[in-house]
Amino acid sequence: VWLEHELDTFEARLASRQKAEGWFLTDRFSCGYGDL
């Protein structure tokens, strides 16, 4: 849960910085899910 919390915090900050430059984030996804 703590790792997920830290990742969500990182992603929120990243989204804010990137949006200021005109970029939008997709959902986060990882190796080992689906056919990746």
PDB file of all heavy atoms in Angstrom:
ATOM      1  N   VAL A   1       0.830  -1.203   0.000  1.00  0.00           N
ATOM      2  CA  VAL A   1       0.000   0.000   0.000  1.00  0.00           C
ATOM      3  C   VAL A   1       0.870   1.260   0.000  1.00  0.00           C
ATOM      4  O   VAL A   1       0.566   2.237  -0.689  1.00  0.00           O
ATOM      5  CB  VAL A   1      -0.964  -0.011   1.200  1.00  0.00           C
ATOM      6  CG1 VAL A   1      -1.662   1.326   1.363  1.00  0.00           C
ATOM      7  CG2 VAL A   1      -1.996  -1.129   1.037  1.00  0.00           C
ATOM      8  N   TRP A   2       1.970   1.231   0.759  1.00  0.00           N
ATOM      9  CA  TRP A   2       2.848   2.403   0.795  1.00  0.00           C
ATOM     10  C   TRP A   2       3.510   2.640  -0.562  1.00  0.00           C
ATOM     11  O   TRP A   2       3.598   3.786  -1.027  1.00  0.00           O
ATOM     12  CB  TRP A   2       3.915   2.242   1.875  1.00  0.00           C
ATOM     13  CG  TRP A   2       4.665   3.520   2.110  1.00  0.00           C
ATOM     14  CD1 TRP A   2       5.844   3.912   1.542  1.00  0.00           C
ATOM     15  CD2 TRP A   2       4.246   4.606   2.946  1.00  0.00           C
ATOM     16  NE1 TRP A   2       6.203   5.171   1.981  1.00  0.00           N
ATOM     17  CE2 TRP A   2       5.235   5.617   2.844  1.00  0.00           C
ATOM     18  CE3 TRP A   2       3.145   4.814   3.774  1.00  0.00           C
ATOM     19  CZ2 TRP A   2       5.148   6.817   3.544  1.00  0.00           C
ATOM     20  CZ3 TRP A   2       3.063   6.018   4.468  1.00  0.00           C
ATOM     21  CH2 TRP A   2       4.048   6.998   4.346  1.00  0.00           C
ATOM     22  N   LEU A   3       3.958   1.571  -1.207  1.00  0.00           N
ATOM     23  CA  LEU A   3       4.567   1.706  -2.532  1.00  0.00           C
ATOM     24  C   LEU A   3       3.560   2.281  -3.527  1.00  0.00           C
ATOM     25  O   LEU A   3       3.882   3.177  -4.322  1.00  0.00           O
ATOM     26  CB  LEU A   3       5.079   0.344  -3.010  1.00  0.00           C
ATOM     27  CG  LEU A   3       5.742   0.305  -4.397  1.00  0.00           C
ATOM     28  CD1 LEU A   3       6.927   1.259  -4.470  1.00  0.00           C
ATOM     29  CD2 LEU A   3       6.175  -1.118  -4.739  1.00  0.00           C
ATOM     30  N   GLU A   4       2.328   1.796  -3.473  1.00  0.00           N
ATOM     31  CA  GLU A   4       1.284   2.304  -4.368  1.00  0.00           C
ATOM     32  C   GLU A   4       1.019   3.787  -4.093  1.00  0.00           C
ATOM     33  O   GLU A   4       0.831   4.581  -5.026  1.00  0.00           O
ATOM     34  CB  GLU A   4       0.009   1.484  -4.178  1.00  0.00           C
ATOM     35  CG  GLU A   4      -1.059   1.743  -5.208  1.00  0.00           C
ATOM     36  CD  GLU A   4      -0.718   1.158  -6.581  1.00  0.00           C
ATOM     37  OE1 GLU A   4       0.274   0.428  -6.711  1.00  0.00           O
ATOM     38  OE2 GLU A   4      -1.454   1.475  -7.533  1.00  0.00           O
ATOM     39  N   HIS A   5       1.005   4.156  -2.816  1.00  0.00           N
ATOM     40  CA  HIS A   5       0.808   5.559  -2.429  1.00  0.00           C
ATOM     41  C   HIS A   5       1.917   6.447  -2.991  1.00  0.00           C
ATOM     42  O   HIS A   5       1.650   7.535  -3.536  1.00  0.00           O
ATOM     43  CB  HIS A   5       0.767   5.657  -0.901  1.00  0.00           C
ATOM     44  CG  HIS A   5       0.975   7.036  -0.357  1.00  0.00           C
ATOM     45  ND1 HIS A   5       0.021   8.020  -0.420  1.00  0.00           N
ATOM     46  CD2 HIS A   5       2.056   7.602   0.256  1.00  0.00           C
ATOM     47  CE1 HIS A   5       0.482   9.127   0.127  1.00  0.00           C
ATOM     48  NE2 HIS A   5       1.711   8.901   0.537  1.00  0.00           N
ATOM     49  N   GLU A   6       3.155   5.992  -2.877  1.00  0.00           N
ATOM     50  CA  GLU A   6       4.281   6.780  -3.382  1.00  0.00           C
ATOM     51  C   GLU A   6       4.233   6.901  -4.909  1.00  0.00           C
ATOM     52  O   GLU A   6       4.530   7.977  -5.468  1.00  0.00           O
ATOM     53  CB  GLU A   6       5.602   6.133  -2.955  1.00  0.00           C
ATOM     54  CG  GLU A   6       5.878   6.191  -1.459  1.00  0.00           C
ATOM     55  CD  GLU A   6       6.349   7.555  -1.002  1.00  0.00           C
ATOM     56  OE1 GLU A   6       6.267   8.539  -1.778  1.00  0.00           O
ATOM     57  OE2 GLU A   6       6.809   7.671   0.149  1.00  0.00           O
ATOM     58  N   LEU A   7       3.858   5.835  -5.583  1.00  0.00           N
ATOM     59  CA  LEU A   7       3.736   5.884  -7.039  1.00  0.00           C
ATOM     60  C   LEU A   7       2.623   6.831  -7.478  1.00  0.00           C
ATOM     61  O   LEU A   7       2.782   7.584  -8.447  1.00  0.00           O
ATOM     62  CB  LEU A   7       3.479   4.483  -7.592  1.00  0.00           C
ATOM     63  CG  LEU A   7       4.682   3.534  -7.581  1.00  0.00           C
ATOM     64  CD1 LEU A   7       4.222   2.102  -7.856  1.00  0.00           C
ATOM     65  CD2 LEU A   7       5.729   3.963  -8.592  1.00  0.00           C
ATOM     66  N   ASP A   8       1.500   6.789  -6.777  1.00  0.00           N
ATOM     67  CA  ASP A   8       0.395   7.694  -7.102  1.00  0.00           C
ATOM     68  C   ASP A   8       0.807   9.153  -6.889  1.00  0.00           C
ATOM     69  O   ASP A   8       0.433  10.035  -7.670  1.00  0.00           O
ATOM     70  CB  ASP A   8      -0.828   7.368  -6.244  1.00  0.00           C
ATOM     71  CG  ASP A   8      -1.515   6.082  -6.659  1.00  0.00           C
ATOM     72  OD1 ASP A   8      -1.239   5.572  -7.768  1.00  0.00           O
ATOM     73  OD2 ASP A   8      -2.327   5.563  -5.863  1.00  0.00           O
ATOM     74  N   THR A   9       1.574   9.400  -5.821  1.00  0.00           N
ATOM     75  CA  THR A   9       2.054  10.755  -5.542  1.00  0.00           C
ATOM     76  C   THR A   9       2.991  11.227  -6.648  1.00  0.00           C
ATOM     77  O   THR A   9       2.882  12.368  -7.143  1.00  0.00           O
ATOM     78  CB  THR A   9       2.781  10.802  -4.186  1.00  0.00           C
ATOM     79  OG1 THR A   9       1.874  10.405  -3.146  1.00  0.00           O
ATOM     80  CG2 THR A   9       3.302  12.208  -3.894  1.00  0.00           C
ATOM     81  N   PHE A  10       3.917  10.355  -7.042  1.00  0.00           N
ATOM     82  CA  PHE A  10       4.824  10.678  -8.145  1.00  0.00           C
ATOM     83  C   PHE A  10       4.040  10.972  -9.420  1.00  0.00           C
ATOM     84  O   PHE A  10       4.316  11.955 -10.130  1.00  0.00           O
ATOM     85  CB  PHE A  10       5.793   9.515  -8.388  1.00  0.00           C
ATOM     86  CG  PHE A  10       6.472   9.567  -9.726  1.00  0.00           C
ATOM     87  CD1 PHE A  10       7.565  10.398  -9.941  1.00  0.00           C
ATOM     88  CD2 PHE A  10       5.997   8.800 -10.788  1.00  0.00           C
ATOM     89  CE1 PHE A  10       8.178  10.465 -11.189  1.00  0.00           C
ATOM     90  CE2 PHE A  10       6.614   8.859 -12.041  1.00  0.00           C
ATOM     91  CZ  PHE A  10       7.706   9.687 -12.236  1.00  0.00           C
ATOM     92  N   GLU A  11       3.062  10.124  -9.726  1.00  0.00           N
ATOM     93  CA  GLU A  11       2.301  10.277 -10.960  1.00  0.00           C
ATOM     94  C   GLU A  11       1.500  11.584 -10.969  1.00  0.00           C
ATOM     95  O   GLU A  11       1.394  12.251 -12.003  1.00  0.00           O
ATOM     96  CB  GLU A  11       1.374   9.085 -11.146  1.00  0.00           C
ATOM     97  CG  GLU A  11       0.692   9.049 -12.501  1.00  0.00           C
ATOM     98  CD  GLU A  11      -0.106   7.782 -12.721  1.00  0.00           C
ATOM     99  OE1 GLU A  11       0.173   6.767 -12.052  1.00  0.00           O
ATOM    100  OE2 GLU A  11      -1.021   7.802 -13.573  1.00  0.00           O
ATOM    101  N   ALA A  12       0.940  11.954  -9.818  1.00  0.00           N
ATOM    102  CA  ALA A  12       0.178  13.202  -9.736  1.00  0.00           C
ATOM    103  C   ALA A  12       1.079  14.415  -9.999  1.00  0.00           C
ATOM    104  O   ALA A  12       0.691  15.357 -10.706  1.00  0.00           O
ATOM    105  CB  ALA A  12      -0.482  13.320  -8.366  1.00  0.00           C
ATOM    106  N   ARG A  13       2.281  14.386  -9.441  1.00  0.00           N
ATOM    107  CA  ARG A  13       3.217  15.489  -9.666  1.00  0.00           C
ATOM    108  C   ARG A  13       3.675  15.534 -11.123  1.00  0.00           C
ATOM    109  O   ARG A  13       3.781  16.605 -11.722  1.00  0.00           O
ATOM    110  CB  ARG A  13       4.423  15.331  -8.731  1.00  0.00           C
ATOM    111  CG  ARG A  13       4.086  15.564  -7.261  1.00  0.00           C
ATOM    112  CD  ARG A  13       5.241  15.189  -6.366  1.00  0.00           C
ATOM    113  NE  ARG A  13       4.940  15.434  -4.959  1.00  0.00           N
ATOM    114  CZ  ARG A  13       5.644  14.945  -3.949  1.00  0.00           C
ATOM    115  NH1 ARG A  13       6.713  14.190  -4.194  1.00  0.00           N
ATOM    116  NH2 ARG A  13       5.308  15.207  -2.706  1.00  0.00           N
ATOM    117  N   LEU A  14       3.934  14.349 -11.686  1.00  0.00           N
ATOM    118  CA  LEU A  14       4.335  14.273 -13.081  1.00  0.00           C
ATOM    119  C   LEU A  14       3.230  14.814 -13.985  1.00  0.00           C
ATOM    120  O   LEU A  14       3.493  15.576 -14.931  1.00  0.00           O
ATOM    121  CB  LEU A  14       4.654  12.824 -13.448  1.00  0.00           C
ATOM    122  CG  LEU A  14       5.043  12.547 -14.910  1.00  0.00           C
ATOM    123  CD1 LEU A  14       6.405  13.175 -15.217  1.00  0.00           C
ATOM    124  CD2 LEU A  14       5.067  11.047 -15.180  1.00  0.00           C
ATOM    125  N   ALA A  15       1.985  14.423 -13.709  1.00  0.00           N
ATOM    126  CA  ALA A  15       0.854  14.873 -14.515  1.00  0.00           C
ATOM    127  C   ALA A  15       0.738  16.394 -14.486  1.00  0.00           C
ATOM    128  O   ALA A  15       0.465  17.033 -15.511  1.00  0.00           O
ATOM    129  CB  ALA A  15      -0.437  14.231 -14.010  1.00  0.00           C
ATOM    130  N   SER A  16       0.951  16.980 -13.322  1.00  0.00           N
ATOM    131  CA  SER A  16       0.855  18.439 -13.189  1.00  0.00           C
ATOM    132  C   SER A  16       1.931  19.132 -14.024  1.00  0.00           C
ATOM    133  O   SER A  16       1.645  20.108 -14.730  1.00  0.00           O
ATOM    134  CB  SER A  16       0.993  18.824 -11.713  1.00  0.00           C
ATOM    135  OG  SER A  16       0.933  20.223 -11.555  1.00  0.00           O
ATOM    136  N   ARG A  17       3.166  18.619 -13.945  1.00  0.00           N
ATOM    137  CA  ARG A  17       4.255  19.229 -14.714  1.00  0.00           C
ATOM    138  C   ARG A  17       4.036  19.067 -16.216  1.00  0.00           C
ATOM    139  O   ARG A  17       4.248  20.005 -16.986  1.00  0.00           O
ATOM    140  CB  ARG A  17       5.595  18.596 -14.313  1.00  0.00           C
ATOM    141  CG  ARG A  17       6.050  18.912 -12.900  1.00  0.00           C
ATOM    142  CD  ARG A  17       7.517  18.595 -12.718  1.00  0.00           C
ATOM    143  NE  ARG A  17       7.826  17.200 -12.989  1.00  0.00           N
ATOM    144  CZ  ARG A  17       7.818  16.232 -12.087  1.00  0.00           C
ATOM    145  NH1 ARG A  17       7.485  16.517 -10.829  1.00  0.00           N
ATOM    146  NH2 ARG A  17       8.132  14.998 -12.403  1.00  0.00           N
ATOM    147  N   GLN A  18       3.624  17.859 -16.624  1.00  0.00           N
ATOM    148  CA  GLN A  18       3.458  17.604 -18.049  1.00  0.00           C
ATOM    149  C   GLN A  18       2.269  18.368 -18.630  1.00  0.00           C
ATOM    150  O   GLN A  18       2.316  18.830 -19.774  1.00  0.00           O
ATOM    151  CB  GLN A  18       3.293  16.100 -18.292  1.00  0.00           C
ATOM    152  CG  GLN A  18       4.548  15.285 -18.005  1.00  0.00           C
ATOM    153  CD  GLN A  18       5.710  15.656 -18.893  1.00  0.00           C
ATOM    154  OE1 GLN A  18       5.546  15.954 -20.073  1.00  0.00           O
ATOM    155  NE2 GLN A  18       6.910  15.655 -18.318  1.00  0.00           N
ATOM    156  N   LYS A  19       1.206  18.511 -17.857  1.00  0.00           N
ATOM    157  CA  LYS A  19       0.038  19.247 -18.343  1.00  0.00           C
ATOM    158  C   LYS A  19       0.393  20.696 -18.632  1.00  0.00           C
ATOM    159  O   LYS A  19      -0.122  21.298 -19.587  1.00  0.00           O
ATOM    160  CB  LYS A  19      -1.098  19.169 -17.328  1.00  0.00           C
ATOM    161  CG  LYS A  19      -2.408  19.738 -17.858  1.00  0.00           C
ATOM    162  CD  LYS A  19      -3.550  19.512 -16.879  1.00  0.00           C
ATOM    163  CE  LYS A  19      -4.870  20.032 -17.451  1.00  0.00           C
ATOM    164  NZ  LYS A  19      -6.012  19.811 -16.519  1.00  0.00           N
ATOM    165  N   ALA A  20       1.285  21.254 -17.828  1.00  0.00           N
ATOM    166  CA  ALA A  20       1.716  22.635 -18.053  1.00  0.00           C
ATOM    167  C   ALA A  20       2.435  22.786 -19.388  1.00  0.00           C
ATOM    168  O   ALA A  20       2.514  23.885 -19.942  1.00  0.00           O
ATOM    169  CB  ALA A  20       2.628  23.087 -16.911  1.00  0.00           C
ATOM    170  N   GLU A  21       2.948  21.677 -19.922  1.00  0.00           N
ATOM    171  CA  GLU A  21       3.645  21.680 -21.206  1.00  0.00           C
ATOM    172  C   GLU A  21       2.781  21.109 -22.328  1.00  0.00           C
ATOM    173  O   GLU A  21       3.269  20.860 -23.436  1.00  0.00           O
ATOM    174  CB  GLU A  21       4.954  20.902 -21.094  1.00  0.00           C
ATOM    175  CG  GLU A  21       5.922  21.498 -20.071  1.00  0.00           C
ATOM    176  CD  GLU A  21       7.186  20.665 -19.915  1.00  0.00           C
ATOM    177  OE1 GLU A  21       7.381  19.731 -20.729  1.00  0.00           O
ATOM    178  OE2 GLU A  21       7.964  20.944 -18.996  1.00  0.00           O
ATOM    179  N   GLY A  22       1.503  20.852 -22.018  1.00  0.00           N
ATOM    180  CA  GLY A  22       0.586  20.393 -23.051  1.00  0.00           C
ATOM    181  C   GLY A  22       0.530  18.886 -23.245  1.00  0.00           C
ATOM    182  O   GLY A  22       0.039  18.417 -24.272  1.00  0.00           O
ATOM    183  N   TRP A  23       1.001  18.108 -22.241  1.00  0.00           N
ATOM    184  CA  TRP A  23       0.984  16.655 -22.349  1.00  0.00           C
ATOM    185  C   TRP A  23      -0.023  16.063 -21.363  1.00  0.00           C
ATOM    186  O   TRP A  23      -0.219  16.592 -20.266  1.00  0.00           O
ATOM    187  CB  TRP A  23       2.366  16.068 -22.055  1.00  0.00           C
ATOM    188  CG  TRP A  23       3.419  16.451 -23.032  1.00  0.00           C
ATOM    189  CD1 TRP A  23       4.326  17.471 -22.899  1.00  0.00           C
ATOM    190  CD2 TRP A  23       3.683  15.857 -24.295  1.00  0.00           C
ATOM    191  NE1 TRP A  23       5.134  17.536 -23.996  1.00  0.00           N
ATOM    192  CE2 TRP A  23       4.769  16.548 -24.877  1.00  0.00           C
ATOM    193  CE3 TRP A  23       3.099  14.790 -25.002  1.00  0.00           C
ATOM    194  CZ2 TRP A  23       5.297  16.224 -26.117  1.00  0.00           C
ATOM    195  CZ3 TRP A  23       3.631  14.468 -26.247  1.00  0.00           C
ATOM    196  CH2 TRP A  23       4.709  15.174 -26.792  1.00  0.00           C
ATOM    197  N   PHE A  24      -0.631  14.950 -21.757  1.00  0.00           N
ATOM    198  CA  PHE A  24      -1.591  14.240 -20.907  1.00  0.00           C
ATOM    199  C   PHE A  24      -1.112  12.803 -20.696  1.00  0.00           C
ATOM    200  O   PHE A  24      -0.569  12.179 -21.615  1.00  0.00           O
ATOM    201  CB  PHE A  24      -2.978  14.240 -21.556  1.00  0.00           C
ATOM    202  CG  PHE A  24      -3.558  15.610 -21.741  1.00  0.00           C
ATOM    203  CD1 PHE A  24      -3.315  16.336 -22.911  1.00  0.00           C
ATOM    204  CD2 PHE A  24      -4.324  16.192 -20.744  1.00  0.00           C
ATOM    205  CE1 PHE A  24      -3.840  17.606 -23.083  1.00  0.00           C
ATOM    206  CE2 PHE A  24      -4.851  17.470 -20.901  1.00  0.00           C
ATOM    207  CZ  PHE A  24      -4.615  18.181 -22.071  1.00  0.00           C
ATOM    208  N   LEU A  25      -1.330  12.289 -19.491  1.00  0.00           N
ATOM    209  CA  LEU A  25      -0.851  10.966 -19.129  1.00  0.00           C
ATOM    210  C   LEU A  25      -1.905   9.892 -19.383  1.00  0.00           C
ATOM    211  O   LEU A  25      -3.095  10.116 -19.142  1.00  0.00           O
ATOM    212  CB  LEU A  25      -0.469  10.910 -17.646  1.00  0.00           C
ATOM    213  CG  LEU A  25       0.944  11.355 -17.252  1.00  0.00           C
ATOM    214  CD1 LEU A  25       1.193  12.811 -17.633  1.00  0.00           C
ATOM    215  CD2 LEU A  25       1.173  11.137 -15.762  1.00  0.00           C
ATOM    216  N   THR A  26      -1.445   8.720 -19.818  1.00  0.00           N
ATOM    217  CA  THR A  26      -2.305   7.541 -19.849  1.00  0.00           C
ATOM    218  C   THR A  26      -2.314   6.911 -18.464  1.00  0.00           C
ATOM    219  O   THR A  26      -1.589   7.345 -17.557  1.00  0.00           O
ATOM    220  CB  THR A  26      -1.789   6.483 -20.844  1.00  0.00           C
ATOM    221  OG1 THR A  26      -0.539   5.942 -20.351  1.00  0.00           O
ATOM    222  CG2 THR A  26      -1.582   7.067 -22.224  1.00  0.00           C
ATOM    223  N   ASP A  27      -3.115   5.874 -18.293  1.00  0.00           N
ATOM    224  CA  ASP A  27      -3.026   5.064 -17.087  1.00  0.00           C
ATOM    225  C   ASP A  27      -1.623   4.452 -16.991  1.00  0.00           C
ATOM    226  O   ASP A  27      -0.966   4.213 -18.007  1.00  0.00           O
ATOM    227  CB  ASP A  27      -4.048   3.926 -17.126  1.00  0.00           C
ATOM    228  CG  ASP A  27      -5.477   4.430 -17.049  1.00  0.00           C
ATOM    229  OD1 ASP A  27      -5.711   5.468 -16.406  1.00  0.00           O
ATOM    230  OD2 ASP A  27      -6.350   3.783 -17.640  1.00  0.00           O
ATOM    231  N   ARG A  28      -1.200   4.189 -15.778  1.00  0.00           N
ATOM    232  CA  ARG A  28       0.065   3.490 -15.536  1.00  0.00           C
ATOM    233  C   ARG A  28      -0.148   1.991 -15.749  1.00  0.00           C
ATOM    234  O   ARG A  28      -1.145   1.438 -15.305  1.00  0.00           O
ATOM    235  CB  ARG A  28       0.490   3.766 -14.088  1.00  0.00           C
ATOM    236  CG  ARG A  28       1.871   3.272 -13.719  1.00  0.00           C
ATOM    237  CD  ARG A  28       2.241   3.761 -12.325  1.00  0.00           C
ATOM    238  NE  ARG A  28       1.528   3.090 -11.256  1.00  0.00           N
ATOM    239  CZ  ARG A  28       0.871   3.699 -10.274  1.00  0.00           C
ATOM    240  NH1 ARG A  28       0.778   5.015 -10.236  1.00  0.00           N
ATOM    241  NH2 ARG A  28       0.263   3.008  -9.326  1.00  0.00           N
ATOM    242  N   PHE A  29       0.779   1.346 -16.445  1.00  0.00           N
ATOM    243  CA  PHE A  29       0.654  -0.104 -16.623  1.00  0.00           C
ATOM    244  C   PHE A  29       2.033  -0.741 -16.567  1.00  0.00           C
ATOM    245  O   PHE A  29       3.056  -0.063 -16.717  1.00  0.00           O
ATOM    246  CB  PHE A  29      -0.075  -0.449 -17.920  1.00  0.00           C
ATOM    247  CG  PHE A  29       0.615  -0.026 -19.198  1.00  0.00           C
ATOM    248  CD1 PHE A  29       1.276  -0.948 -19.989  1.00  0.00           C
ATOM    249  CD2 PHE A  29       0.578   1.305 -19.616  1.00  0.00           C
ATOM    250  CE1 PHE A  29       1.897  -0.555 -21.168  1.00  0.00           C
ATOM    251  CE2 PHE A  29       1.189   1.707 -20.804  1.00  0.00           C
ATOM    252  CZ  PHE A  29       1.859   0.770 -21.579  1.00  0.00           C
ATOM    253  N   SER A  30       2.067  -2.055 -16.369  1.00  0.00           N
ATOM    254  CA  SER A  30       3.325  -2.730 -16.055  1.00  0.00           C
ATOM    255  C   SER A  30       3.531  -4.000 -16.865  1.00  0.00           C
ATOM    256  O   SER A  30       2.579  -4.574 -17.406  1.00  0.00           O
ATOM    257  CB  SER A  30       3.371  -3.074 -14.557  1.00  0.00           C
ATOM    258  OG  SER A  30       3.374  -1.912 -13.766  1.00  0.00           O
ATOM    259  N   CYS A  31       4.783  -4.431 -16.912  1.00  0.00           N
ATOM    260  CA  CYS A  31       5.125  -5.703 -17.538  1.00  0.00           C
ATOM    261  C   CYS A  31       4.441  -6.850 -16.788  1.00  0.00           C
ATOM    262  O   CYS A  31       4.275  -6.797 -15.571  1.00  0.00           O
ATOM    263  CB  CYS A  31       6.636  -5.929 -17.498  1.00  0.00           C
ATOM    264  SG  CYS A  31       7.609  -4.636 -18.281  1.00  0.00           S
ATOM    265  N   GLY A  32       4.054  -7.867 -17.525  1.00  0.00           N
ATOM    266  CA  GLY A  32       3.433  -9.026 -16.903  1.00  0.00           C
ATOM    267  C   GLY A  32       1.924  -8.976 -16.888  1.00  0.00           C
ATOM    268  O   GLY A  32       1.271  -9.893 -16.397  1.00  0.00           O
ATOM    269  N   TYR A  33       1.360  -7.902 -17.407  1.00  0.00           N
ATOM    270  CA  TYR A  33      -0.096  -7.810 -17.484  1.00  0.00           C
ATOM    271  C   TYR A  33      -0.518  -7.740 -18.940  1.00  0.00           C
ATOM    272  O   TYR A  33       0.134  -7.118 -19.760  1.00  0.00           O
ATOM    273  CB  TYR A  33      -0.617  -6.586 -16.722  1.00  0.00           C
ATOM    274  CG  TYR A  33      -2.101  -6.698 -16.427  1.00  0.00           C
ATOM    275  CD1 TYR A  33      -2.545  -7.377 -15.301  1.00  0.00           C
ATOM    276  CD2 TYR A  33      -3.037  -6.154 -17.285  1.00  0.00           C
ATOM    277  CE1 TYR A  33      -3.901  -7.492 -15.033  1.00  0.00           C
ATOM    278  CE2 TYR A  33      -4.392  -6.273 -17.025  1.00  0.00           C
ATOM    279  CZ  TYR A  33      -4.815  -6.944 -15.897  1.00  0.00           C
ATOM    280  OH  TYR A  33      -6.156  -7.061 -15.641  1.00  0.00           O
ATOM    281  N   GLY A  34      -1.635  -8.404 -19.257  1.00  0.00           N
ATOM    282  CA  GLY A  34      -2.038  -8.500 -20.647  1.00  0.00           C
ATOM    283  C   GLY A  34      -0.988  -9.287 -21.413  1.00  0.00           C
ATOM    284  O   GLY A  34      -0.453 -10.272 -20.915  1.00  0.00           O
ATOM    285  N   ASP A  35      -0.643  -8.834 -22.606  1.00  0.00           N
ATOM    286  CA  ASP A  35       0.356  -9.541 -23.395  1.00  0.00           C
ATOM    287  C   ASP A  35       1.709  -8.822 -23.395  1.00  0.00           C
ATOM    288  O   ASP A  35       2.558  -9.075 -24.259  1.00  0.00           O
ATOM    289  CB  ASP A  35      -0.136  -9.756 -24.832  1.00  0.00           C
ATOM    290  CG  ASP A  35      -0.446  -8.444 -25.563  1.00  0.00           C
ATOM    291  OD1 ASP A  35      -0.319  -7.373 -24.933  1.00  0.00           O
ATOM    292  OD2 ASP A  35      -0.820  -8.512 -26.736  1.00  0.00           O
ATOM    293  N   LEU A  36       1.905  -7.935 -22.415  1.00  0.00           N
ATOM    294  CA  LEU A  36       3.211  -7.302 -22.259  1.00  0.00           C
ATOM    295  C   LEU A  36       4.065  -8.219 -21.385  1.00  0.00           C
ATOM    296  O   LEU A  36       3.780  -8.405 -20.204  1.00  0.00           O
ATOM    297  CB  LEU A  36       3.077  -5.923 -21.603  1.00  0.00           C
ATOM    298  CG  LEU A  36       4.320  -5.041 -21.625  1.00  0.00           C
ATOM    299  CD1 LEU A  36       4.715  -4.685 -23.068  1.00  0.00           C
ATOM    300  CD2 LEU A  36       4.087  -3.764 -20.825  1.00  0.00           C
TER     301      LEU A  36
END
